[in-house]
Amino acid sequence: MDNSINLLAYAQANDGDVFHYHDKKNLECDLVVALRDGRWAAVEVKMGMHEEEDAAKNLLTLAADVDEQRMLKPSFLMILTGGRYAYRREDGVYVVPIGCLKP
């Protein structure tokens, strides 16, 4: 199953889109859910074990690089996993199993 399909459906239902992000500093994000009103969220897809720390670090770096004069800070940062439990990390990044996304 393509993980972006559920996020794309959510974004489109809320007048938005889903993009991949990659900049000239080689900072990358698997999915960016962007709504027309300027709100957005960054999502890293990590189905393997032990990838959470790197994914969170990447998301936090991306959020810190946002030019607040040009755009809003992300509404949330999320790691989409193959795990069993959803929770919010101490750094504010959400960890959400793919099973929590409705088809």
PDB file of N, CA and C in Angstrom:
ATOM      1  N   MET A   1       0.838  -1.179   0.000  1.00  0.00           N
ATOM      2  CA  MET A   1       0.000   0.000   0.000  1.00  0.00           C
ATOM      3  C   MET A   1       0.876   1.233   0.000  1.00  0.00           C
ATOM      4  N   ASP A   2       0.549   2.192  -0.810  1.00  0.00           N
ATOM      5  CA  ASP A   2       1.290   3.440  -0.858  1.00  0.00           C
ATOM      6  C   ASP A   2       0.804   4.337   0.278  1.00  0.00           C
ATOM      7  N   ASN A   3       1.699   4.643   1.223  1.00  0.00           N
ATOM      8  CA  ASN A   3       1.343   5.408   2.407  1.00  0.00           C
ATOM      9  C   ASN A   3       0.839   6.800   2.088  1.00  0.00           C
ATOM     10  N   SER A   4       1.262   7.361   0.974  1.00  0.00           N
ATOM     11  CA  SER A   4       0.844   8.716   0.650  1.00  0.00           C
ATOM     12  C   SER A   4      -0.609   8.788   0.192  1.00  0.00           C
ATOM     13  N   ILE A   5      -1.217   7.663  -0.158  1.00  0.00           N
ATOM     14  CA  ILE A   5      -2.604   7.687  -0.627  1.00  0.00           C
ATOM     15  C   ILE A   5      -3.540   8.191   0.463  1.00  0.00           C
ATOM     16  N   ASN A   6      -3.410   7.679   1.684  1.00  0.00           N
ATOM     17  CA  ASN A   6      -4.272   8.140   2.774  1.00  0.00           C
ATOM     18  C   ASN A   6      -4.028   9.604   3.095  1.00  0.00           C
ATOM     19  N   LEU A   7      -2.768  10.015   3.116  1.00  0.00           N
ATOM     20  CA  LEU A   7      -2.462  11.416   3.403  1.00  0.00           C
ATOM     21  C   LEU A   7      -2.935  12.322   2.272  1.00  0.00           C
ATOM     22  N   LEU A   8      -2.821  11.843   1.050  1.00  0.00           N
ATOM     23  CA  LEU A   8      -3.311  12.610  -0.087  1.00  0.00           C
ATOM     24  C   LEU A   8      -4.824  12.785   0.003  1.00  0.00           C
ATOM     25  N   ALA A   9      -5.529  11.718   0.361  1.00  0.00           N
ATOM     26  CA  ALA A   9      -6.984  11.808   0.512  1.00  0.00           C
ATOM     27  C   ALA A   9      -7.345  12.815   1.603  1.00  0.00           C
ATOM     28  N   TYR A  10      -6.616  12.787   2.736  1.00  0.00           N
ATOM     29  CA  TYR A  10      -6.849  13.755   3.808  1.00  0.00           C
ATOM     30  C   TYR A  10      -6.601  15.176   3.315  1.00  0.00           C
ATOM     31  N   ALA A  11      -5.468  15.367   2.645  1.00  0.00           N
ATOM     32  CA  ALA A  11      -5.109  16.703   2.170  1.00  0.00           C
ATOM     33  C   ALA A  11      -6.146  17.218   1.178  1.00  0.00           C
ATOM     34  N   GLN A  12      -6.540  16.393   0.233  1.00  0.00           N
ATOM     35  CA  GLN A  12      -7.503  16.828  -0.776  1.00  0.00           C
ATOM     36  C   GLN A  12      -8.869  17.110  -0.164  1.00  0.00           C
ATOM     37  N   ALA A  13      -9.256  16.340   0.854  1.00  0.00           N
ATOM     38  CA  ALA A  13     -10.530  16.598   1.534  1.00  0.00           C
ATOM     39  C   ALA A  13     -10.504  17.928   2.277  1.00  0.00           C
ATOM     40  N   ASN A  14      -9.295  18.408   2.564  1.00  0.00           N
ATOM     41  CA  ASN A  14      -9.128  19.669   3.278  1.00  0.00           C
ATOM     42  C   ASN A  14      -8.495  20.733   2.389  1.00  0.00           C
ATOM     43  N   ASP A  15      -8.704  20.605   1.080  1.00  0.00           N
ATOM     44  CA  ASP A  15      -8.233  21.573   0.088  1.00  0.00           C
ATOM     45  C   ASP A  15      -6.716  21.739   0.115  1.00  0.00           C
ATOM     46  N   GLY A  16      -5.999  20.611   0.074  1.00  0.00           N
ATOM     47  CA  GLY A  16      -4.539  20.657   0.081  1.00  0.00           C
ATOM     48  C   GLY A  16      -3.931  19.608  -0.815  1.00  0.00           C
ATOM     49  N   ASP A  17      -2.618  19.433  -0.666  1.00  0.00           N
ATOM     50  CA  ASP A  17      -1.864  18.485  -1.486  1.00  0.00           C
ATOM     51  C   ASP A  17      -0.783  17.818  -0.647  1.00  0.00           C
ATOM     52  N   VAL A  18      -0.171  16.780  -1.220  1.00  0.00           N
ATOM     53  CA  VAL A  18       0.954  16.098  -0.593  1.00  0.00           C
ATOM     54  C   VAL A  18       2.140  16.177  -1.553  1.00  0.00           C
ATOM     55  N   PHE A  19       3.295  16.548  -1.004  1.00  0.00           N
ATOM     56  CA  PHE A  19       4.504  16.697  -1.796  1.00  0.00           C
ATOM     57  C   PHE A  19       5.663  15.938  -1.151  1.00  0.00           C
ATOM     58  N   HIS A  20       6.699  15.721  -1.943  1.00  0.00           N
ATOM     59  CA  HIS A  20       7.993  15.248  -1.427  1.00  0.00           C
ATOM     60  C   HIS A  20       8.876  16.488  -1.344  1.00  0.00           C
ATOM     61  N   TYR A  21       9.738  16.559  -0.323  1.00  0.00           N
ATOM     62  CA  TYR A  21      10.620  17.718  -0.162  1.00  0.00           C
ATOM     63  C   TYR A  21      12.082  17.284  -0.202  1.00  0.00           C
ATOM     64  N   HIS A  22      12.877  18.026  -0.974  1.00  0.00           N
ATOM     65  CA  HIS A  22      14.320  17.800  -1.043  1.00  0.00           C
ATOM     66  C   HIS A  22      14.951  19.133  -1.428  1.00  0.00           C
ATOM     67  N   ASP A  23      15.860  19.647  -0.579  1.00  0.00           N
ATOM     68  CA  ASP A  23      16.448  20.952  -0.881  1.00  0.00           C
ATOM     69  C   ASP A  23      17.922  20.850  -1.256  1.00  0.00           C
ATOM     70  N   LYS A  24      18.520  21.994  -1.572  1.00  0.00           N
ATOM     71  CA  LYS A  24      19.906  22.020  -2.032  1.00  0.00           C
ATOM     72  C   LYS A  24      20.909  21.656  -0.938  1.00  0.00           C
ATOM     73  N   LYS A  25      20.476  21.697   0.338  1.00  0.00           N
ATOM     74  CA  LYS A  25      21.337  21.263   1.445  1.00  0.00           C
ATOM     75  C   LYS A  25      21.210  19.760   1.679  1.00  0.00           C
ATOM     76  N   ASN A  26      20.449  19.097   0.808  1.00  0.00           N
ATOM     77  CA  ASN A  26      20.197  17.656   0.858  1.00  0.00           C
ATOM     78  C   ASN A  26      19.291  17.260   2.024  1.00  0.00           C
ATOM     79  N   LEU A  27      18.544  18.216   2.541  1.00  0.00           N
ATOM     80  CA  LEU A  27      17.532  17.920   3.549  1.00  0.00           C
ATOM     81  C   LEU A  27      16.307  17.400   2.814  1.00  0.00           C
ATOM     82  N   GLU A  28      15.775  16.292   3.302  1.00  0.00           N
ATOM     83  CA  GLU A  28      14.697  15.609   2.596  1.00  0.00           C
ATOM     84  C   GLU A  28      13.591  15.227   3.570  1.00  0.00           C
ATOM     85  N   CYS A  29      12.373  15.199   3.057  1.00  0.00           N
ATOM     86  CA  CYS A  29      11.221  14.743   3.833  1.00  0.00           C
ATOM     87  C   CYS A  29      10.342  13.931   2.891  1.00  0.00           C
ATOM     88  N   ASP A  30       9.928  12.751   3.347  1.00  0.00           N
ATOM     89  CA  ASP A  30       9.156  11.860   2.480  1.00  0.00           C
ATOM     90  C   ASP A  30       7.854  12.485   2.010  1.00  0.00           C
ATOM     91  N   LEU A  31       7.105  13.067   2.939  1.00  0.00           N
ATOM     92  CA  LEU A  31       5.792  13.631   2.598  1.00  0.00           C
ATOM     93  C   LEU A  31       5.580  14.952   3.325  1.00  0.00           C
ATOM     94  N   VAL A  32       5.098  15.931   2.596  1.00  0.00           N
ATOM     95  CA  VAL A  32       4.684  17.199   3.189  1.00  0.00           C
ATOM     96  C   VAL A  32       3.216  17.385   2.838  1.00  0.00           C
ATOM     97  N   VAL A  33       2.377  17.434   3.867  1.00  0.00           N
ATOM     98  CA  VAL A  33       0.953  17.677   3.676  1.00  0.00           C
ATOM     99  C   VAL A  33       0.770  19.183   3.782  1.00  0.00           C
ATOM    100  N   ALA A  34       0.333  19.815   2.696  1.00  0.00           N
ATOM    101  CA  ALA A  34       0.197  21.267   2.654  1.00  0.00           C
ATOM    102  C   ALA A  34      -1.250  21.657   2.358  1.00  0.00           C
ATOM    103  N   LEU A  35      -1.814  22.473   3.232  1.00  0.00           N
ATOM    104  CA  LEU A  35      -3.168  22.980   3.032  1.00  0.00           C
ATOM    105  C   LEU A  35      -3.112  24.383   2.428  1.00  0.00           C
ATOM    106  N   ARG A  36      -4.150  24.780   1.752  1.00  0.00           N
ATOM    107  CA  ARG A  36      -4.163  26.062   1.052  1.00  0.00           C
ATOM    108  C   ARG A  36      -4.068  27.267   1.986  1.00  0.00           C
ATOM    109  N   ASP A  37      -4.451  27.088   3.232  1.00  0.00           N
ATOM    110  CA  ASP A  37      -4.405  28.212   4.172  1.00  0.00           C
ATOM    111  C   ASP A  37      -3.013  28.421   4.778  1.00  0.00           C
ATOM    112  N   GLY A  38      -2.026  27.665   4.307  1.00  0.00           N
ATOM    113  CA  GLY A  38      -0.658  27.838   4.765  1.00  0.00           C
ATOM    114  C   GLY A  38      -0.214  26.842   5.815  1.00  0.00           C
ATOM    115  N   ARG A  39      -1.157  26.109   6.405  1.00  0.00           N
ATOM    116  CA  ARG A  39      -0.770  25.079   7.370  1.00  0.00           C
ATOM    117  C   ARG A  39      -0.138  23.909   6.631  1.00  0.00           C
ATOM    118  N   TRP A  40       0.829  23.272   7.303  1.00  0.00           N
ATOM    119  CA  TRP A  40       1.488  22.122   6.688  1.00  0.00           C
ATOM    120  C   TRP A  40       2.065  21.222   7.777  1.00  0.00           C
ATOM    121  N   ALA A  41       2.382  19.999   7.384  1.00  0.00           N
ATOM    122  CA  ALA A  41       2.973  19.020   8.292  1.00  0.00           C
ATOM    123  C   ALA A  41       3.995  18.192   7.525  1.00  0.00           C
ATOM    124  N   ALA A  42       5.026  17.762   8.232  1.00  0.00           N
ATOM    125  CA  ALA A  42       6.076  16.946   7.619  1.00  0.00           C
ATOM    126  C   ALA A  42       5.979  15.521   8.158  1.00  0.00           C
ATOM    127  N   VAL A  43       6.123  14.553   7.248  1.00  0.00           N
ATOM    128  CA  VAL A  43       5.987  13.140   7.605  1.00  0.00           C
ATOM    129  C   VAL A  43       7.155  12.351   7.033  1.00  0.00           C
ATOM    130  N   GLU A  44       7.815  11.584   7.891  1.00  0.00           N
ATOM    131  CA  GLU A  44       8.836  10.642   7.458  1.00  0.00           C
ATOM    132  C   GLU A  44       8.223   9.250   7.539  1.00  0.00           C
ATOM    133  N   VAL A  45       8.407   8.433   6.514  1.00  0.00           N
ATOM    134  CA  VAL A  45       7.893   7.070   6.479  1.00  0.00           C
ATOM    135  C   VAL A  45       9.047   6.130   6.786  1.00  0.00           C
ATOM    136  N   LYS A  46       8.946   5.414   7.907  1.00  0.00           N
ATOM    137  CA  LYS A  46       9.989   4.494   8.340  1.00  0.00           C
ATOM    138  C   LYS A  46       9.355   3.192   8.800  1.00  0.00           C
ATOM    139  N   MET A  47       9.396   2.191   7.969  1.00  0.00           N
ATOM    140  CA  MET A  47       8.776   0.914   8.299  1.00  0.00           C
ATOM    141  C   MET A  47       9.737  -0.034   9.005  1.00  0.00           C
ATOM    142  N   GLY A  48      11.038   0.244   8.933  1.00  0.00           N
ATOM    143  CA  GLY A  48      12.024  -0.612   9.581  1.00  0.00           C
ATOM    144  C   GLY A  48      12.208  -0.271  11.048  1.00  0.00           C
ATOM    145  N   MET A  49      12.793  -1.195  11.772  1.00  0.00           N
ATOM    146  CA  MET A  49      13.085  -0.987  13.185  1.00  0.00           C
ATOM    147  C   MET A  49      14.280  -0.047  13.326  1.00  0.00           C
ATOM    148  N   HIS A  50      14.330   0.663  14.431  1.00  0.00           N
ATOM    149  CA  HIS A  50      15.481   1.475  14.819  1.00  0.00           C
ATOM    150  C   HIS A  50      15.749   2.657  13.889  1.00  0.00           C
ATOM    151  N   GLU A  51      14.769   3.146  13.186  1.00  0.00           N
ATOM    152  CA  GLU A  51      14.946   4.304  12.302  1.00  0.00           C
ATOM    153  C   GLU A  51      14.323   5.571  12.885  1.00  0.00           C
ATOM    154  N   GLU A  52      13.660   5.439  14.007  1.00  0.00           N
ATOM    155  CA  GLU A  52      12.910   6.551  14.584  1.00  0.00           C
ATOM    156  C   GLU A  52      13.791   7.747  14.936  1.00  0.00           C
ATOM    157  N   GLU A  53      14.935   7.524  15.540  1.00  0.00           N
ATOM    158  CA  GLU A  53      15.792   8.636  15.974  1.00  0.00           C
ATOM    159  C   GLU A  53      16.271   9.469  14.793  1.00  0.00           C
ATOM    160  N   ASP A  54      16.722   8.808  13.738  1.00  0.00           N
ATOM    161  CA  ASP A  54      17.174   9.549  12.557  1.00  0.00           C
ATOM    162  C   ASP A  54      16.028  10.311  11.907  1.00  0.00           C
ATOM    163  N   ALA A  55      14.869   9.689  11.852  1.00  0.00           N
ATOM    164  CA  ALA A  55      13.702  10.348  11.260  1.00  0.00           C
ATOM    165  C   ALA A  55      13.306  11.581  12.067  1.00  0.00           C
ATOM    166  N   ALA A  56      13.286  11.458  13.384  1.00  0.00           N
ATOM    167  CA  ALA A  56      12.925  12.593  14.243  1.00  0.00           C
ATOM    168  C   ALA A  56      13.940  13.722  14.090  1.00  0.00           C
ATOM    169  N   LYS A  57      15.216  13.375  14.063  1.00  0.00           N
ATOM    170  CA  LYS A  57      16.267  14.386  13.897  1.00  0.00           C
ATOM    171  C   LYS A  57      16.080  15.135  12.589  1.00  0.00           C
ATOM    172  N   ASN A  58      15.783  14.408  11.524  1.00  0.00           N
ATOM    173  CA  ASN A  58      15.563  15.016  10.218  1.00  0.00           C
ATOM    174  C   ASN A  58      14.359  15.964  10.243  1.00  0.00           C
ATOM    175  N   LEU A  59      13.263  15.521  10.844  1.00  0.00           N
ATOM    176  CA  LEU A  59      12.060  16.363  10.925  1.00  0.00           C
ATOM    177  C   LEU A  59      12.316  17.626  11.743  1.00  0.00           C
ATOM    178  N   LEU A  60      13.015  17.490  12.844  1.00  0.00           N
ATOM    179  CA  LEU A  60      13.305  18.645  13.694  1.00  0.00           C
ATOM    180  C   LEU A  60      14.246  19.628  12.997  1.00  0.00           C
ATOM    181  N   THR A  61      15.189  19.110  12.220  1.00  0.00           N
ATOM    182  CA  THR A  61      16.075  19.972  11.434  1.00  0.00           C
ATOM    183  C   THR A  61      15.281  20.746  10.397  1.00  0.00           C
ATOM    184  N   LEU A  62      14.386  20.062   9.720  1.00  0.00           N
ATOM    185  CA  LEU A  62      13.526  20.713   8.733  1.00  0.00           C
ATOM    186  C   LEU A  62      12.692  21.822   9.379  1.00  0.00           C
ATOM    187  N   ALA A  63      12.080  21.530  10.506  1.00  0.00           N
ATOM    188  CA  ALA A  63      11.252  22.526  11.193  1.00  0.00           C
ATOM    189  C   ALA A  63      12.082  23.732  11.640  1.00  0.00           C
ATOM    190  N   ALA A  64      13.305  23.487  12.087  1.00  0.00           N
ATOM    191  CA  ALA A  64      14.175  24.577  12.538  1.00  0.00           C
ATOM    192  C   ALA A  64      14.632  25.455  11.382  1.00  0.00           C
ATOM    193  N   ASP A  65      14.674  24.904  10.173  1.00  0.00           N
ATOM    194  CA  ASP A  65      15.109  25.656   8.990  1.00  0.00           C
ATOM    195  C   ASP A  65      14.017  26.521   8.369  1.00  0.00           C
ATOM    196  N   VAL A  66      12.808  26.436   8.876  1.00  0.00           N
ATOM    197  CA  VAL A  66      11.698  27.197   8.293  1.00  0.00           C
ATOM    198  C   VAL A  66      11.921  28.695   8.496  1.00  0.00           C
ATOM    199  N   ASP A  67      11.805  29.436   7.420  1.00  0.00           N
ATOM    200  CA  ASP A  67      11.878  30.892   7.479  1.00  0.00           C
ATOM    201  C   ASP A  67      10.491  31.414   7.863  1.00  0.00           C
ATOM    202  N   GLU A  68      10.334  31.785   9.116  1.00  0.00           N
ATOM    203  CA  GLU A  68       9.025  32.192   9.618  1.00  0.00           C
ATOM    204  C   GLU A  68       8.538  33.512   9.027  1.00  0.00           C
ATOM    205  N   GLN A  69       9.400  34.215   8.306  1.00  0.00           N
ATOM    206  CA  GLN A  69       8.969  35.416   7.597  1.00  0.00           C
ATOM    207  C   GLN A  69       8.219  35.057   6.320  1.00  0.00           C
ATOM    208  N   ARG A  70       8.437  33.833   5.843  1.00  0.00           N
ATOM    209  CA  ARG A  70       7.841  33.408   4.572  1.00  0.00           C
ATOM    210  C   ARG A  70       6.730  32.389   4.720  1.00  0.00           C
ATOM    211  N   MET A  71       6.768  31.594   5.805  1.00  0.00           N
ATOM    212  CA  MET A  71       5.757  30.549   5.957  1.00  0.00           C
ATOM    213  C   MET A  71       5.571  30.185   7.422  1.00  0.00           C
ATOM    214  N   LEU A  72       4.490  29.487   7.692  1.00  0.00           N
ATOM    215  CA  LEU A  72       4.189  29.045   9.048  1.00  0.00           C
ATOM    216  C   LEU A  72       5.105  27.907   9.464  1.00  0.00           C
ATOM    217  N   LYS A  73       5.296  27.758  10.762  1.00  0.00           N
ATOM    218  CA  LYS A  73       5.969  26.578  11.293  1.00  0.00           C
ATOM    219  C   LYS A  73       5.055  25.378  11.013  1.00  0.00           C
ATOM    220  N   PRO A  74       5.588  24.152  10.971  1.00  0.00           N
ATOM    221  CA  PRO A  74       4.721  22.995  10.720  1.00  0.00           C
ATOM    222  C   PRO A  74       3.695  22.806  11.843  1.00  0.00           C
ATOM    223  N   SER A  75       2.498  22.399  11.452  1.00  0.00           N
ATOM    224  CA  SER A  75       1.443  22.112  12.423  1.00  0.00           C
ATOM    225  C   SER A  75       1.808  20.895  13.265  1.00  0.00           C
ATOM    226  N   PHE A  76       2.459  19.926  12.641  1.00  0.00           N
ATOM    227  CA  PHE A  76       2.969  18.768  13.373  1.00  0.00           C
ATOM    228  C   PHE A  76       4.056  18.089  12.560  1.00  0.00           C
ATOM    229  N   LEU A  77       4.844  17.285  13.254  1.00  0.00           N
ATOM    230  CA  LEU A  77       5.875  16.443  12.648  1.00  0.00           C
ATOM    231  C   LEU A  77       5.526  15.010  13.003  1.00  0.00           C
ATOM    232  N   MET A  78       5.601  14.104  12.022  1.00  0.00           N
ATOM    233  CA  MET A  78       5.144  12.745  12.264  1.00  0.00           C
ATOM    234  C   MET A  78       6.050  11.723  11.595  1.00  0.00           C
ATOM    235  N   ILE A  79       6.265  10.627  12.299  1.00  0.00           N
ATOM    236  CA  ILE A  79       6.945   9.467  11.727  1.00  0.00           C
ATOM    237  C   ILE A  79       5.883   8.397  11.548  1.00  0.00           C
ATOM    238  N   LEU A  80       5.650   7.985  10.318  1.00  0.00           N
ATOM    239  CA  LEU A  80       4.700   6.928  10.000  1.00  0.00           C
ATOM    240  C   LEU A  80       5.461   5.608  10.043  1.00  0.00           C
ATOM    241  N   THR A  81       5.016   4.681  10.895  1.00  0.00           N
ATOM    242  CA  THR A  81       5.777   3.448  11.123  1.00  0.00           C
ATOM    243  C   THR A  81       4.947   2.195  10.878  1.00  0.00           C
ATOM    244  N   GLY A  82       5.616   1.081  10.976  1.00  0.00           N
ATOM    245  CA  GLY A  82       4.957  -0.218  10.939  1.00  0.00           C
ATOM    246  C   GLY A  82       4.712  -0.746  12.343  1.00  0.00           C
ATOM    247  N   GLY A  83       4.900   0.100  13.340  1.00  0.00           N
ATOM    248  CA  GLY A  83       4.746  -0.302  14.738  1.00  0.00           C
ATOM    249  C   GLY A  83       3.308  -0.540  15.145  1.00  0.00           C
ATOM    250  N   ARG A  84       3.110  -0.687  16.456  1.00  0.00           N
ATOM    251  CA  ARG A  84       1.779  -1.019  16.967  1.00  0.00           C
ATOM    252  C   ARG A  84       1.131   0.109  17.757  1.00  0.00           C
ATOM    253  N   TYR A  85       1.928   1.078  18.244  1.00  0.00           N
ATOM    254  CA  TYR A  85       1.386   2.091  19.141  1.00  0.00           C
ATOM    255  C   TYR A  85       1.690   3.499  18.630  1.00  0.00           C
ATOM    256  N   ALA A  86       0.710   4.375  18.794  1.00  0.00           N
ATOM    257  CA  ALA A  86       0.897   5.784  18.471  1.00  0.00           C
ATOM    258  C   ALA A  86       1.232   6.523  19.752  1.00  0.00           C
ATOM    259  N   TYR A  87       2.155   7.456  19.659  1.00  0.00           N
ATOM    260  CA  TYR A  87       2.525   8.258  20.823  1.00  0.00           C
ATOM    261  C   TYR A  87       3.234   9.526  20.365  1.00  0.00           C
ATOM    262  N   ARG A  88       3.370  10.451  21.306  1.00  0.00           N
ATOM    263  CA  ARG A  88       4.093  11.692  21.054  1.00  0.00           C
ATOM    264  C   ARG A  88       5.402  11.630  21.829  1.00  0.00           C
ATOM    265  N   ARG A  89       6.493  11.802  21.120  1.00  0.00           N
ATOM    266  CA  ARG A  89       7.815  11.789  21.737  1.00  0.00           C
ATOM    267  C   ARG A  89       8.023  13.053  22.572  1.00  0.00           C
ATOM    268  N   GLU A  90       9.011  13.036  23.432  1.00  0.00           N
ATOM    269  CA  GLU A  90       9.324  14.201  24.262  1.00  0.00           C
ATOM    270  C   GLU A  90       9.694  15.421  23.431  1.00  0.00           C
ATOM    271  N   ASP A  91      10.249  15.211  22.230  1.00  0.00           N
ATOM    272  CA  ASP A  91      10.615  16.331  21.362  1.00  0.00           C
ATOM    273  C   ASP A  91       9.439  16.856  20.545  1.00  0.00           C
ATOM    274  N   GLY A  92       8.243  16.280  20.756  1.00  0.00           N
ATOM    275  CA  GLY A  92       7.037  16.745  20.078  1.00  0.00           C
ATOM    276  C   GLY A  92       6.694  16.019  18.791  1.00  0.00           C
ATOM    277  N   VAL A  93       7.561  15.146  18.316  1.00  0.00           N
ATOM    278  CA  VAL A  93       7.318  14.398  17.078  1.00  0.00           C
ATOM    279  C   VAL A  93       6.355  13.245  17.382  1.00  0.00           C
ATOM    280  N   TYR A  94       5.327  13.121  16.550  1.00  0.00           N
ATOM    281  CA  TYR A  94       4.370  12.020  16.693  1.00  0.00           C
ATOM    282  C   TYR A  94       4.896  10.784  15.976  1.00  0.00           C
ATOM    283  N   VAL A  95       4.693   9.635  16.578  1.00  0.00           N
ATOM    284  CA  VAL A  95       5.009   8.343  15.965  1.00  0.00           C
ATOM    285  C   VAL A  95       3.672   7.635  15.790  1.00  0.00           C
ATOM    286  N   VAL A  96       3.320   7.335  14.532  1.00  0.00           N
ATOM    287  CA  VAL A  96       1.985   6.822  14.242  1.00  0.00           C
ATOM    288  C   VAL A  96       2.090   5.567  13.366  1.00  0.00           C
ATOM    289  N   PRO A  97       1.522   4.450  13.821  1.00  0.00           N
ATOM    290  CA  PRO A  97       1.513   3.242  12.984  1.00  0.00           C
ATOM    291  C   PRO A  97       0.615   3.437  11.756  1.00  0.00           C
ATOM    292  N   ILE A  98       1.015   2.834  10.679  1.00  0.00           N
ATOM    293  CA  ILE A  98       0.230   2.949   9.448  1.00  0.00           C
ATOM    294  C   ILE A  98      -1.189   2.441   9.647  1.00  0.00           C
ATOM    295  N   GLY A  99      -1.370   1.480  10.562  1.00  0.00           N
ATOM    296  CA  GLY A  99      -2.704   0.942  10.832  1.00  0.00           C
ATOM    297  C   GLY A  99      -3.667   1.976  11.405  1.00  0.00           C
ATOM    298  N   CYS A 100      -3.139   3.074  11.911  1.00  0.00           N
ATOM    299  CA  CYS A 100      -3.999   4.129  12.461  1.00  0.00           C
ATOM    300  C   CYS A 100      -4.620   4.997  11.365  1.00  0.00           C
ATOM    301  N   LEU A 101      -4.065   4.938  10.152  1.00  0.00           N
ATOM    302  CA  LEU A 101      -4.607   5.719   9.044  1.00  0.00           C
ATOM    303  C   LEU A 101      -5.766   4.958   8.441  1.00  0.00           C
ATOM    304  N   LYS A 102      -6.862   5.621   8.290  1.00  0.00           N
ATOM    305  CA  LYS A 102      -8.055   4.997   7.713  1.00  0.00           C
ATOM    306  C   LYS A 102      -7.900   4.848   6.211  1.00  0.00           C
ATOM    307  N   PRO A 103      -8.347   3.708   5.659  1.00  0.00           N
ATOM    308  CA  PRO A 103      -8.259   3.519   4.197  1.00  0.00           C
ATOM    309  C   PRO A 103      -9.240   4.403   3.456  1.00  0.00           C
TER     310      PRO A 103
END
